[in-house]
């Protein structure tokens, strides 16, 4: 089982009313929830019909009852199903796209919902958006799979802006992390990547951006 899916699965409360897996792709998370007896509603969405059909086929192959998972083709969070879940999962996308999906769903800005987010790129953009739009981050989880470290963020809307340093936007708060060893490994990777950007920057590059990266490296 994908370590990312395993971590997300463990972050979902057994008491949850239901989950919505946005951009479900293969449907691995909804299938596991159904197979392991999750009692809440399970909704799997995707913007494209092919991955949605693939997820349905995977559910059938896993002997998951056809009416156990609701498959829905839609762009982003499904407002018409918003009363059936209290946990939304948006995983495997870039941080910018996750921000866009949340921003287009003003009804999700409510303490009724928890969000579990796994950005493939630009986690700093996602955290900046969250902490400046009233979301409180309760967990900054890390998992390693096939040599790559993935960040998984659990948060909910509280209307009170959280406080994150510039470095913490990139890697999360150490105090909310599940694995101190991976956290240190992530810091090393961030430092290496930023140093590579700084070293490869041309004189015409945005100086303020390079100065910002240098400050992050200095903080590490």
N, C-alpha and C. Protein backbone atom coordinates (compact mmCIF):
# COMPACT_ATOMS: atom_id res chain seq x y z
N UNK A 1 0.85 -1.20 0.00
CA UNK A 1 0.00 0.00 0.00
C UNK A 1 0.88 1.24 0.00
N UNK A 2 0.53 2.20 -0.83
CA UNK A 2 1.21 3.49 -0.90
C UNK A 2 1.27 4.10 0.50
N UNK A 3 2.47 4.51 0.93
CA UNK A 3 2.64 5.08 2.27
C UNK A 3 1.83 6.36 2.46
N UNK A 4 1.67 7.12 1.37
CA UNK A 4 0.86 8.34 1.47
C UNK A 4 -0.59 7.99 1.80
N UNK A 5 -1.13 7.02 1.07
CA UNK A 5 -2.51 6.61 1.31
C UNK A 5 -2.68 6.07 2.72
N UNK A 6 -1.69 5.32 3.18
CA UNK A 6 -1.75 4.76 4.53
C UNK A 6 -1.81 5.87 5.58
N UNK A 7 -0.99 6.91 5.40
CA UNK A 7 -0.98 8.03 6.35
C UNK A 7 -2.30 8.78 6.33
N UNK A 8 -2.81 9.05 5.13
CA UNK A 8 -4.09 9.75 5.01
C UNK A 8 -5.20 8.94 5.66
N UNK A 9 -5.20 7.64 5.41
CA UNK A 9 -6.20 6.73 5.99
C UNK A 9 -6.21 6.85 7.51
N UNK A 10 -5.03 6.90 8.11
CA UNK A 10 -4.93 6.94 9.57
C UNK A 10 -5.35 8.30 10.14
N UNK A 11 -5.35 9.33 9.31
CA UNK A 11 -5.77 10.66 9.76
C UNK A 11 -7.28 10.84 9.76
N UNK A 12 -8.00 9.92 9.14
CA UNK A 12 -9.46 10.01 9.05
C UNK A 12 -10.08 9.40 10.31
N UNK A 13 -10.90 10.18 10.97
CA UNK A 13 -11.53 9.73 12.21
C UNK A 13 -12.60 8.67 11.92
N UNK A 14 -12.65 7.67 12.78
CA UNK A 14 -13.69 6.65 12.67
C UNK A 14 -15.07 7.22 12.92
N UNK A 15 -15.10 8.38 13.58
CA UNK A 15 -16.37 9.04 13.89
C UNK A 15 -16.81 9.99 12.78
N UNK A 16 -16.05 10.07 11.71
CA UNK A 16 -16.37 10.99 10.63
C UNK A 16 -17.71 10.67 9.97
N UNK A 17 -18.45 11.70 9.63
CA UNK A 17 -19.73 11.54 8.93
C UNK A 17 -19.53 10.97 7.54
N UNK A 18 -18.41 11.35 6.93
CA UNK A 18 -18.12 10.89 5.58
C UNK A 18 -16.90 11.59 5.04
N UNK A 19 -16.29 11.00 4.02
CA UNK A 19 -15.12 11.61 3.39
C UNK A 19 -15.40 11.82 1.91
N UNK A 20 -14.74 12.83 1.37
CA UNK A 20 -14.78 13.08 -0.06
C UNK A 20 -13.35 13.12 -0.56
N UNK A 21 -13.01 12.20 -1.45
CA UNK A 21 -11.67 12.11 -2.02
C UNK A 21 -11.68 12.82 -3.36
N UNK A 22 -11.12 14.03 -3.39
CA UNK A 22 -11.14 14.86 -4.60
C UNK A 22 -9.97 14.48 -5.51
N UNK A 23 -10.27 14.20 -6.78
CA UNK A 23 -9.24 13.75 -7.69
C UNK A 23 -8.81 12.34 -7.33
N UNK A 24 -9.77 11.45 -7.19
CA UNK A 24 -9.54 10.12 -6.63
C UNK A 24 -8.60 9.24 -7.45
N UNK A 25 -8.52 9.49 -8.76
CA UNK A 25 -7.65 8.74 -9.67
C UNK A 25 -7.98 7.25 -9.63
N UNK A 26 -7.13 6.42 -9.00
CA UNK A 26 -7.38 4.98 -8.97
C UNK A 26 -8.41 4.57 -7.91
N UNK A 27 -8.76 5.49 -7.03
CA UNK A 27 -9.75 5.19 -6.01
C UNK A 27 -9.23 4.39 -4.84
N UNK A 28 -7.92 4.39 -4.64
CA UNK A 28 -7.33 3.53 -3.61
C UNK A 28 -7.82 3.86 -2.21
N UNK A 29 -7.91 5.16 -1.88
CA UNK A 29 -8.35 5.54 -0.53
C UNK A 29 -9.81 5.16 -0.27
N UNK A 30 -10.75 5.53 -1.16
CA UNK A 30 -12.14 5.12 -0.92
C UNK A 30 -12.31 3.60 -0.83
N UNK A 31 -11.58 2.88 -1.67
CA UNK A 31 -11.68 1.42 -1.66
C UNK A 31 -11.19 0.86 -0.32
N UNK A 32 -10.08 1.39 0.17
CA UNK A 32 -9.57 0.90 1.46
C UNK A 32 -10.55 1.22 2.58
N UNK A 33 -11.11 2.41 2.57
CA UNK A 33 -12.07 2.77 3.61
C UNK A 33 -13.27 1.82 3.60
N UNK A 34 -13.77 1.55 2.41
CA UNK A 34 -14.93 0.65 2.29
C UNK A 34 -14.57 -0.77 2.71
N UNK A 35 -13.39 -1.22 2.32
CA UNK A 35 -12.96 -2.59 2.61
C UNK A 35 -12.70 -2.81 4.09
N UNK A 36 -12.28 -1.74 4.79
CA UNK A 36 -11.92 -1.89 6.19
C UNK A 36 -13.03 -1.43 7.15
N UNK A 37 -14.23 -1.24 6.61
CA UNK A 37 -15.38 -1.06 7.47
C UNK A 37 -15.67 0.36 7.92
N UNK A 38 -15.15 1.37 7.20
CA UNK A 38 -15.50 2.75 7.55
C UNK A 38 -17.01 2.92 7.43
N UNK A 39 -17.63 3.45 8.46
CA UNK A 39 -19.09 3.48 8.51
C UNK A 39 -19.72 4.72 7.88
N UNK A 40 -18.91 5.76 7.64
CA UNK A 40 -19.45 6.99 7.08
C UNK A 40 -19.64 6.91 5.57
N UNK A 41 -20.15 7.99 5.00
CA UNK A 41 -20.30 8.07 3.56
C UNK A 41 -18.92 8.15 2.89
N UNK A 42 -18.81 7.57 1.71
CA UNK A 42 -17.55 7.61 0.96
C UNK A 42 -17.85 8.14 -0.43
N UNK A 43 -17.21 9.26 -0.76
CA UNK A 43 -17.43 9.91 -2.06
C UNK A 43 -16.10 10.02 -2.78
N UNK A 44 -16.07 9.61 -4.03
CA UNK A 44 -14.87 9.70 -4.85
C UNK A 44 -15.18 10.57 -6.07
N UNK A 45 -14.40 11.63 -6.25
CA UNK A 45 -14.66 12.53 -7.38
C UNK A 45 -13.42 12.65 -8.26
N UNK A 46 -13.67 13.01 -9.51
CA UNK A 46 -12.59 13.33 -10.43
C UNK A 46 -13.16 14.20 -11.54
N UNK A 47 -12.31 15.05 -12.08
CA UNK A 47 -12.76 15.94 -13.15
C UNK A 47 -12.88 15.21 -14.48
N UNK A 48 -12.14 14.11 -14.61
CA UNK A 48 -12.11 13.34 -15.86
C UNK A 48 -12.83 12.01 -15.70
N UNK A 49 -13.50 11.58 -16.77
CA UNK A 49 -14.30 10.36 -16.70
C UNK A 49 -13.44 9.10 -16.67
N UNK A 50 -12.28 9.11 -17.37
CA UNK A 50 -11.47 7.88 -17.44
C UNK A 50 -10.96 7.44 -16.07
N UNK A 51 -10.33 8.32 -15.27
CA UNK A 51 -9.90 7.87 -13.94
C UNK A 51 -11.07 7.48 -13.05
N UNK A 52 -12.21 8.12 -13.24
CA UNK A 52 -13.38 7.77 -12.42
C UNK A 52 -13.87 6.36 -12.76
N UNK A 53 -13.89 6.05 -14.05
CA UNK A 53 -14.28 4.70 -14.46
C UNK A 53 -13.25 3.68 -13.97
N UNK A 54 -11.97 4.06 -14.00
CA UNK A 54 -10.92 3.17 -13.51
C UNK A 54 -11.10 2.90 -12.02
N UNK A 55 -11.45 3.93 -11.27
CA UNK A 55 -11.68 3.76 -9.84
C UNK A 55 -12.88 2.84 -9.59
N UNK A 56 -13.94 3.00 -10.36
CA UNK A 56 -15.11 2.12 -10.24
C UNK A 56 -14.72 0.67 -10.53
N UNK A 57 -13.91 0.48 -11.57
CA UNK A 57 -13.46 -0.87 -11.92
C UNK A 57 -12.60 -1.46 -10.82
N UNK A 58 -11.73 -0.65 -10.24
CA UNK A 58 -10.89 -1.12 -9.14
C UNK A 58 -11.73 -1.52 -7.93
N UNK A 59 -12.80 -0.75 -7.68
CA UNK A 59 -13.69 -1.07 -6.56
C UNK A 59 -14.38 -2.41 -6.79
N UNK A 60 -14.81 -2.66 -8.02
CA UNK A 60 -15.43 -3.94 -8.35
C UNK A 60 -14.45 -5.09 -8.17
N UNK A 61 -13.22 -4.88 -8.63
CA UNK A 61 -12.19 -5.92 -8.52
C UNK A 61 -11.83 -6.21 -7.06
N UNK A 62 -12.01 -5.19 -6.21
CA UNK A 62 -11.71 -5.36 -4.78
C UNK A 62 -12.91 -5.89 -4.00
N UNK A 63 -13.97 -6.24 -4.74
CA UNK A 63 -15.20 -6.77 -4.13
C UNK A 63 -15.85 -5.80 -3.16
N UNK A 64 -15.72 -4.51 -3.47
CA UNK A 64 -16.40 -3.48 -2.69
C UNK A 64 -17.79 -3.28 -3.27
N UNK A 65 -18.78 -3.32 -2.44
CA UNK A 65 -20.17 -3.21 -2.89
C UNK A 65 -20.37 -1.96 -3.73
N UNK A 66 -21.10 -2.11 -4.82
CA UNK A 66 -21.28 -1.01 -5.76
C UNK A 66 -21.92 0.23 -5.18
N UNK A 67 -22.76 0.08 -4.15
CA UNK A 67 -23.42 1.23 -3.57
C UNK A 67 -22.68 1.78 -2.34
N UNK A 68 -21.52 1.22 -2.04
CA UNK A 68 -20.76 1.67 -0.86
C UNK A 68 -20.02 2.97 -1.13
N UNK A 69 -19.59 3.19 -2.37
CA UNK A 69 -18.86 4.40 -2.75
C UNK A 69 -19.68 5.17 -3.77
N UNK A 70 -19.84 6.46 -3.55
CA UNK A 70 -20.49 7.32 -4.53
C UNK A 70 -19.43 7.92 -5.43
N UNK A 71 -19.49 7.59 -6.72
CA UNK A 71 -18.55 8.14 -7.69
C UNK A 71 -19.20 9.34 -8.38
N UNK A 72 -18.45 10.44 -8.42
CA UNK A 72 -19.03 11.68 -8.93
C UNK A 72 -18.03 12.41 -9.81
N UNK A 73 -18.43 12.72 -11.03
CA UNK A 73 -17.57 13.52 -11.90
C UNK A 73 -17.86 15.00 -11.65
N UNK A 74 -16.83 15.71 -11.17
CA UNK A 74 -17.00 17.14 -10.93
C UNK A 74 -15.63 17.80 -10.83
N UNK A 75 -15.63 19.10 -10.96
CA UNK A 75 -14.40 19.89 -10.91
C UNK A 75 -14.24 20.45 -9.49
N UNK A 76 -13.40 19.81 -8.69
CA UNK A 76 -13.17 20.30 -7.34
C UNK A 76 -14.09 19.67 -6.32
N UNK A 77 -14.41 20.44 -5.29
CA UNK A 77 -15.25 19.95 -4.19
C UNK A 77 -16.72 20.00 -4.58
N UNK A 78 -17.47 18.92 -4.38
CA UNK A 78 -18.88 18.85 -4.82
C UNK A 78 -19.84 19.48 -3.80
N UNK A 79 -20.25 20.69 -4.05
CA UNK A 79 -21.14 21.38 -3.10
C UNK A 79 -22.47 20.64 -2.95
N UNK A 80 -22.96 20.01 -4.03
CA UNK A 80 -24.25 19.34 -3.95
C UNK A 80 -24.22 18.10 -3.07
N UNK A 81 -23.01 17.67 -2.66
CA UNK A 81 -22.88 16.53 -1.76
C UNK A 81 -22.29 16.95 -0.40
N UNK A 82 -22.23 18.25 -0.16
CA UNK A 82 -21.53 18.77 1.01
C UNK A 82 -22.13 18.35 2.35
N UNK A 83 -23.40 17.96 2.34
CA UNK A 83 -24.03 17.53 3.60
C UNK A 83 -23.75 16.07 3.91
N UNK A 84 -23.01 15.38 3.05
CA UNK A 84 -22.77 13.95 3.24
C UNK A 84 -21.37 13.64 3.77
N UNK A 85 -20.53 14.67 3.89
CA UNK A 85 -19.18 14.42 4.40
C UNK A 85 -18.72 15.58 5.28
N UNK A 86 -17.74 15.29 6.13
CA UNK A 86 -17.14 16.34 6.96
C UNK A 86 -15.61 16.34 6.84
N UNK A 87 -15.08 15.44 6.00
CA UNK A 87 -13.65 15.37 5.77
C UNK A 87 -13.39 15.33 4.28
N UNK A 88 -12.60 16.28 3.81
CA UNK A 88 -12.24 16.33 2.38
C UNK A 88 -10.75 16.03 2.23
N UNK A 89 -10.44 15.13 1.31
CA UNK A 89 -9.06 14.78 1.01
C UNK A 89 -8.72 15.29 -0.38
N UNK A 90 -7.65 16.09 -0.46
CA UNK A 90 -7.16 16.56 -1.76
C UNK A 90 -5.68 16.22 -1.81
N UNK A 91 -5.34 15.17 -2.53
CA UNK A 91 -3.99 14.64 -2.51
C UNK A 91 -3.45 14.43 -3.93
N UNK A 92 -2.12 14.49 -4.03
CA UNK A 92 -1.47 14.17 -5.30
C UNK A 92 -1.52 15.27 -6.33
N UNK A 93 -1.74 16.51 -5.90
CA UNK A 93 -1.78 17.66 -6.81
C UNK A 93 -0.77 18.71 -6.35
N UNK A 94 -0.51 19.67 -7.21
CA UNK A 94 0.37 20.77 -6.84
C UNK A 94 -0.28 21.67 -5.81
N UNK A 95 0.55 22.32 -4.99
CA UNK A 95 0.02 23.21 -3.96
C UNK A 95 -0.83 24.32 -4.52
N UNK A 96 -0.47 24.84 -5.69
CA UNK A 96 -1.25 25.92 -6.30
C UNK A 96 -2.66 25.45 -6.66
N UNK A 97 -2.74 24.24 -7.23
CA UNK A 97 -4.05 23.71 -7.63
C UNK A 97 -4.92 23.43 -6.41
N UNK A 98 -4.34 22.91 -5.35
CA UNK A 98 -5.11 22.66 -4.13
C UNK A 98 -5.66 23.97 -3.58
N UNK A 99 -4.85 25.01 -3.60
CA UNK A 99 -5.34 26.34 -3.17
C UNK A 99 -6.54 26.78 -4.00
N UNK A 100 -6.45 26.58 -5.31
CA UNK A 100 -7.53 26.97 -6.21
C UNK A 100 -8.81 26.20 -5.92
N UNK A 101 -8.69 24.91 -5.66
CA UNK A 101 -9.86 24.08 -5.37
C UNK A 101 -10.55 24.55 -4.08
N UNK A 102 -9.76 24.83 -3.06
CA UNK A 102 -10.33 25.31 -1.80
C UNK A 102 -10.96 26.69 -1.99
N UNK A 103 -10.27 27.55 -2.71
CA UNK A 103 -10.72 28.94 -2.87
C UNK A 103 -12.05 29.03 -3.61
N UNK A 104 -12.31 28.07 -4.48
CA UNK A 104 -13.56 28.09 -5.26
C UNK A 104 -14.74 27.50 -4.49
N UNK A 105 -14.48 26.98 -3.28
CA UNK A 105 -15.54 26.36 -2.48
C UNK A 105 -15.70 27.14 -1.18
N UNK A 106 -16.37 28.29 -1.23
CA UNK A 106 -16.47 29.13 -0.04
C UNK A 106 -17.20 28.45 1.11
N UNK A 107 -18.03 27.46 0.81
CA UNK A 107 -18.77 26.75 1.85
C UNK A 107 -17.87 25.85 2.71
N UNK A 108 -16.66 25.54 2.21
CA UNK A 108 -15.74 24.70 2.98
C UNK A 108 -15.07 25.50 4.10
N UNK A 109 -15.22 26.83 4.05
CA UNK A 109 -14.67 27.70 5.10
C UNK A 109 -15.61 27.64 6.30
N UNK A 110 -15.62 26.51 6.95
CA UNK A 110 -16.53 26.24 8.06
C UNK A 110 -15.88 25.23 8.99
N UNK A 111 -16.12 25.37 10.29
CA UNK A 111 -15.54 24.41 11.23
C UNK A 111 -16.25 23.05 11.18
N UNK A 112 -17.21 22.91 10.28
CA UNK A 112 -17.87 21.62 10.07
C UNK A 112 -16.94 20.64 9.37
N UNK A 113 -15.91 21.16 8.69
CA UNK A 113 -15.10 20.31 7.82
C UNK A 113 -13.64 20.25 8.27
N UNK A 114 -13.02 19.10 8.02
CA UNK A 114 -11.58 18.94 8.14
C UNK A 114 -11.02 18.69 6.74
N UNK A 115 -9.83 19.20 6.50
CA UNK A 115 -9.17 19.00 5.21
C UNK A 115 -7.88 18.22 5.42
N UNK A 116 -7.66 17.22 4.60
CA UNK A 116 -6.41 16.47 4.59
C UNK A 116 -5.79 16.69 3.21
N UNK A 117 -4.65 17.34 3.18
CA UNK A 117 -4.07 17.82 1.93
C UNK A 117 -2.66 17.26 1.74
N UNK A 118 -2.37 16.80 0.53
CA UNK A 118 -1.04 16.26 0.25
C UNK A 118 -0.54 16.88 -1.06
N UNK A 119 0.21 17.98 -0.94
CA UNK A 119 0.73 18.64 -2.14
C UNK A 119 1.95 17.92 -2.70
N UNK A 120 1.98 17.75 -4.02
CA UNK A 120 3.14 17.15 -4.66
C UNK A 120 4.25 18.18 -4.85
N UNK A 121 3.86 19.43 -5.00
CA UNK A 121 4.80 20.53 -5.18
C UNK A 121 4.32 21.75 -4.41
N UNK A 122 5.23 22.67 -4.17
CA UNK A 122 4.95 23.97 -3.57
C UNK A 122 4.08 23.91 -2.29
N UNK A 123 4.51 23.12 -1.32
CA UNK A 123 3.78 23.09 -0.04
C UNK A 123 3.79 24.44 0.65
N UNK A 124 4.84 25.24 0.39
CA UNK A 124 4.93 26.56 1.02
C UNK A 124 3.81 27.48 0.55
N UNK A 125 3.42 27.35 -0.73
CA UNK A 125 2.31 28.16 -1.26
C UNK A 125 1.01 27.74 -0.59
N UNK A 126 0.81 26.44 -0.44
CA UNK A 126 -0.41 25.93 0.20
C UNK A 126 -0.50 26.37 1.65
N UNK A 127 0.59 26.21 2.41
CA UNK A 127 0.55 26.62 3.82
C UNK A 127 0.33 28.13 3.95
N UNK A 128 0.97 28.90 3.09
CA UNK A 128 0.77 30.36 3.14
C UNK A 128 -0.71 30.69 2.94
N UNK A 129 -1.34 30.03 1.97
CA UNK A 129 -2.75 30.26 1.71
C UNK A 129 -3.59 29.88 2.93
N UNK A 130 -3.32 28.71 3.48
CA UNK A 130 -4.12 28.23 4.61
C UNK A 130 -4.03 29.15 5.82
N UNK A 131 -2.79 29.48 6.22
CA UNK A 131 -2.61 30.24 7.46
C UNK A 131 -3.03 31.69 7.31
N UNK A 132 -3.19 32.15 6.07
CA UNK A 132 -3.65 33.52 5.86
C UNK A 132 -5.13 33.60 5.49
N UNK A 133 -5.80 32.46 5.53
CA UNK A 133 -7.23 32.45 5.23
C UNK A 133 -8.05 31.75 6.31
N UNK A 134 -7.52 31.75 7.54
CA UNK A 134 -8.30 31.29 8.67
C UNK A 134 -8.29 29.81 8.95
N UNK A 135 -7.37 29.07 8.29
CA UNK A 135 -7.28 27.63 8.56
C UNK A 135 -6.19 27.36 9.60
N UNK A 136 -6.49 26.49 10.53
CA UNK A 136 -5.53 26.09 11.56
C UNK A 136 -5.01 24.70 11.24
N UNK A 137 -3.70 24.57 11.15
CA UNK A 137 -3.08 23.29 10.83
C UNK A 137 -2.82 22.52 12.12
N UNK A 138 -3.39 21.32 12.22
CA UNK A 138 -3.22 20.51 13.42
C UNK A 138 -2.10 19.49 13.28
N UNK A 139 -1.82 19.08 12.03
CA UNK A 139 -0.78 18.06 11.80
C UNK A 139 0.02 18.39 10.55
N UNK A 140 1.34 18.28 10.64
CA UNK A 140 2.25 18.36 9.50
C UNK A 140 2.95 17.00 9.41
N UNK A 141 2.32 16.06 8.74
CA UNK A 141 2.82 14.69 8.70
C UNK A 141 3.82 14.49 7.57
N UNK A 142 4.77 13.59 7.78
CA UNK A 142 5.76 13.24 6.76
C UNK A 142 5.77 11.74 6.57
N UNK A 143 5.83 11.31 5.32
CA UNK A 143 6.02 9.89 5.00
C UNK A 143 7.03 9.81 3.87
N UNK A 144 7.80 8.73 3.86
CA UNK A 144 8.78 8.52 2.80
C UNK A 144 8.36 7.30 1.99
N UNK A 145 8.37 7.45 0.69
CA UNK A 145 7.99 6.35 -0.20
C UNK A 145 8.90 6.39 -1.43
N UNK A 146 9.64 5.32 -1.64
CA UNK A 146 10.53 5.20 -2.79
C UNK A 146 11.52 6.35 -2.86
N UNK A 147 12.04 6.72 -1.71
CA UNK A 147 13.08 7.72 -1.64
C UNK A 147 12.59 9.17 -1.65
N UNK A 148 11.29 9.39 -1.74
CA UNK A 148 10.75 10.75 -1.74
C UNK A 148 9.97 11.00 -0.46
N UNK A 149 10.14 12.19 0.10
CA UNK A 149 9.42 12.58 1.31
C UNK A 149 8.17 13.36 0.91
N UNK A 150 7.03 12.91 1.41
CA UNK A 150 5.76 13.56 1.12
C UNK A 150 5.23 14.26 2.38
N UNK A 151 4.65 15.43 2.18
CA UNK A 151 4.08 16.19 3.28
C UNK A 151 2.55 16.08 3.24
N UNK A 152 1.97 15.79 4.38
CA UNK A 152 0.51 15.66 4.48
C UNK A 152 0.02 16.59 5.59
N UNK A 153 -0.88 17.46 5.24
CA UNK A 153 -1.34 18.53 6.13
C UNK A 153 -2.80 18.28 6.51
N UNK A 154 -3.09 18.30 7.80
CA UNK A 154 -4.48 18.23 8.25
C UNK A 154 -4.84 19.57 8.88
N UNK A 155 -5.96 20.12 8.47
CA UNK A 155 -6.34 21.45 8.97
C UNK A 155 -7.86 21.61 8.99
N UNK A 156 -8.30 22.66 9.63
CA UNK A 156 -9.72 23.00 9.64
C UNK A 156 -9.85 24.51 9.76
N UNK A 157 -11.00 25.01 9.36
CA UNK A 157 -11.23 26.46 9.37
C UNK A 157 -11.62 26.90 10.78
N UNK A 158 -10.89 27.89 11.29
CA UNK A 158 -11.19 28.43 12.62
C UNK A 158 -11.42 29.93 12.58
N UNK A 159 -11.16 30.54 11.43
CA UNK A 159 -11.23 31.99 11.19
C UNK A 159 -10.13 32.77 11.90
N UNK A 160 -9.22 32.06 12.58
CA UNK A 160 -8.07 32.69 13.24
C UNK A 160 -6.81 32.31 12.48
N UNK A 161 -6.08 33.31 12.00
CA UNK A 161 -4.88 33.02 11.22
C UNK A 161 -3.80 32.38 12.08
N UNK A 162 -3.28 31.25 11.61
CA UNK A 162 -2.21 30.54 12.28
C UNK A 162 -0.89 31.29 12.04
N UNK A 163 0.13 30.97 12.83
CA UNK A 163 1.42 31.64 12.71
C UNK A 163 2.50 30.64 12.29
N UNK A 164 3.07 30.86 11.11
CA UNK A 164 4.15 30.02 10.58
C UNK A 164 5.30 30.91 10.14
N UNK A 165 6.52 30.50 10.47
CA UNK A 165 7.69 31.22 9.98
C UNK A 165 7.88 30.92 8.50
N UNK A 166 8.75 31.67 7.83
CA UNK A 166 9.00 31.42 6.41
C UNK A 166 9.49 29.99 6.18
N UNK A 167 10.38 29.51 7.03
CA UNK A 167 10.87 28.15 6.90
C UNK A 167 9.76 27.14 7.13
N UNK A 168 8.92 27.38 8.13
CA UNK A 168 7.84 26.44 8.45
C UNK A 168 6.82 26.33 7.32
N UNK A 169 6.72 27.37 6.48
CA UNK A 169 5.84 27.27 5.32
C UNK A 169 6.31 26.17 4.38
N UNK A 170 7.62 25.97 4.30
CA UNK A 170 8.20 24.96 3.43
C UNK A 170 8.11 23.55 4.00
N UNK A 171 8.26 23.42 5.32
CA UNK A 171 8.42 22.09 5.90
C UNK A 171 7.45 21.78 7.04
N UNK A 172 6.63 22.75 7.44
CA UNK A 172 5.73 22.52 8.56
C UNK A 172 6.40 22.74 9.90
N UNK A 173 5.62 22.67 10.95
CA UNK A 173 6.15 22.86 12.30
C UNK A 173 6.69 21.53 12.83
N UNK A 174 7.90 21.59 13.34
CA UNK A 174 8.51 20.37 13.88
C UNK A 174 7.67 19.79 15.01
N UNK A 175 7.03 20.65 15.81
CA UNK A 175 6.25 20.19 16.95
C UNK A 175 4.99 19.43 16.53
N UNK A 176 4.56 19.61 15.27
CA UNK A 176 3.36 18.94 14.78
C UNK A 176 3.70 17.78 13.84
N UNK A 177 4.98 17.46 13.77
CA UNK A 177 5.45 16.43 12.85
C UNK A 177 5.47 15.07 13.54
N UNK A 178 5.24 14.03 12.79
CA UNK A 178 5.18 12.67 13.32
C UNK A 178 6.52 11.95 13.31
N UNK A 179 7.53 12.49 12.59
CA UNK A 179 8.79 11.76 12.42
C UNK A 179 9.95 12.77 12.39
N UNK A 180 10.67 12.87 13.49
CA UNK A 180 11.76 13.84 13.60
C UNK A 180 12.91 13.52 12.64
N UNK A 181 13.16 12.25 12.40
CA UNK A 181 14.22 11.86 11.47
C UNK A 181 13.89 12.34 10.05
N UNK A 182 12.65 12.11 9.62
CA UNK A 182 12.24 12.56 8.30
C UNK A 182 12.22 14.08 8.21
N UNK A 183 11.88 14.73 9.32
CA UNK A 183 11.86 16.19 9.33
C UNK A 183 13.25 16.75 9.05
N UNK A 184 14.26 16.18 9.67
CA UNK A 184 15.64 16.62 9.44
C UNK A 184 16.09 16.31 8.01
N UNK A 185 15.65 15.17 7.49
CA UNK A 185 15.96 14.82 6.10
C UNK A 185 15.30 15.81 5.14
N UNK A 186 14.06 16.19 5.46
CA UNK A 186 13.36 17.17 4.62
C UNK A 186 14.08 18.51 4.63
N UNK A 187 14.55 18.94 5.80
CA UNK A 187 15.30 20.20 5.87
C UNK A 187 16.54 20.15 4.98
N UNK A 188 17.23 19.03 4.99
CA UNK A 188 18.43 18.89 4.14
C UNK A 188 18.07 18.98 2.66
N UNK A 189 16.96 18.35 2.27
CA UNK A 189 16.52 18.39 0.88
C UNK A 189 16.13 19.80 0.48
N UNK A 190 15.42 20.50 1.35
CA UNK A 190 15.03 21.88 1.05
C UNK A 190 16.26 22.76 0.88
N UNK A 191 17.22 22.60 1.79
CA UNK A 191 18.46 23.38 1.71
C UNK A 191 19.20 23.11 0.40
N UNK A 192 19.29 21.85 0.03
CA UNK A 192 19.98 21.48 -1.20
C UNK A 192 19.27 22.06 -2.42
N UNK A 193 17.95 21.96 -2.46
CA UNK A 193 17.19 22.46 -3.61
C UNK A 193 17.28 23.98 -3.73
N UNK A 194 17.17 24.68 -2.60
CA UNK A 194 17.24 26.13 -2.64
C UNK A 194 18.64 26.61 -3.01
N UNK A 195 19.66 25.93 -2.50
CA UNK A 195 21.04 26.29 -2.87
C UNK A 195 21.28 26.10 -4.36
N UNK A 196 20.65 25.07 -4.94
CA UNK A 196 20.79 24.83 -6.38
C UNK A 196 20.12 25.95 -7.18
N UNK A 197 18.97 26.41 -6.69
CA UNK A 197 18.28 27.52 -7.37
C UNK A 197 19.11 28.79 -7.27
N UNK A 198 19.65 29.04 -6.08
CA UNK A 198 20.46 30.24 -5.86
C UNK A 198 21.71 30.21 -6.75
N UNK A 199 22.38 29.06 -6.80
CA UNK A 199 23.61 28.93 -7.59
C UNK A 199 23.35 29.07 -9.08
N UNK A 200 22.17 28.63 -9.52
CA UNK A 200 21.86 28.68 -10.95
C UNK A 200 21.14 29.93 -11.39
N UNK A 201 20.92 30.84 -10.48
CA UNK A 201 20.17 32.05 -10.82
C UNK A 201 21.03 33.02 -11.62
N UNK A 202 20.44 33.64 -12.61
CA UNK A 202 21.12 34.64 -13.43
C UNK A 202 20.99 36.00 -12.77
N UNK A 203 21.82 36.93 -13.19
CA UNK A 203 21.80 38.27 -12.59
C UNK A 203 20.47 38.97 -12.81
N UNK A 204 19.74 38.53 -13.85
CA UNK A 204 18.45 39.16 -14.15
C UNK A 204 17.30 38.56 -13.35
N UNK A 205 17.60 37.51 -12.58
CA UNK A 205 16.55 36.88 -11.78
C UNK A 205 16.04 37.86 -10.72
N UNK A 206 14.85 37.57 -10.23
CA UNK A 206 14.24 38.38 -9.18
C UNK A 206 15.11 38.35 -7.93
N UNK A 207 15.73 39.46 -7.63
CA UNK A 207 16.67 39.49 -6.50
C UNK A 207 15.97 39.27 -5.17
N UNK A 208 14.76 39.76 -5.05
CA UNK A 208 14.05 39.60 -3.79
C UNK A 208 13.73 38.13 -3.54
N UNK A 209 13.41 37.39 -4.61
CA UNK A 209 13.14 35.96 -4.46
C UNK A 209 14.39 35.21 -4.02
N UNK A 210 15.52 35.53 -4.65
CA UNK A 210 16.77 34.87 -4.30
C UNK A 210 17.18 35.22 -2.87
N UNK A 211 16.96 36.46 -2.48
CA UNK A 211 17.27 36.88 -1.11
C UNK A 211 16.38 36.11 -0.11
N UNK A 212 15.13 35.89 -0.50
CA UNK A 212 14.22 35.14 0.35
C UNK A 212 14.71 33.70 0.52
N UNK A 213 15.14 33.08 -0.58
CA UNK A 213 15.65 31.72 -0.50
C UNK A 213 16.91 31.65 0.36
N UNK A 214 17.75 32.65 0.23
CA UNK A 214 18.96 32.69 1.06
C UNK A 214 18.60 32.78 2.55
N UNK A 215 17.56 33.52 2.85
CA UNK A 215 17.14 33.64 4.26
C UNK A 215 16.61 32.30 4.79
N UNK A 216 15.92 31.54 3.92
CA UNK A 216 15.43 30.22 4.32
C UNK A 216 16.60 29.29 4.60
N UNK A 217 17.59 29.31 3.70
CA UNK A 217 18.78 28.47 3.87
C UNK A 217 19.49 28.86 5.18
N UNK A 218 19.57 30.15 5.45
CA UNK A 218 20.20 30.61 6.68
C UNK A 218 19.46 30.15 7.91
N UNK A 219 18.13 30.11 7.82
CA UNK A 219 17.31 29.67 8.97
C UNK A 219 17.51 28.16 9.22
N UNK A 220 17.67 27.41 8.14
CA UNK A 220 17.93 25.97 8.30
C UNK A 220 19.27 25.75 9.01
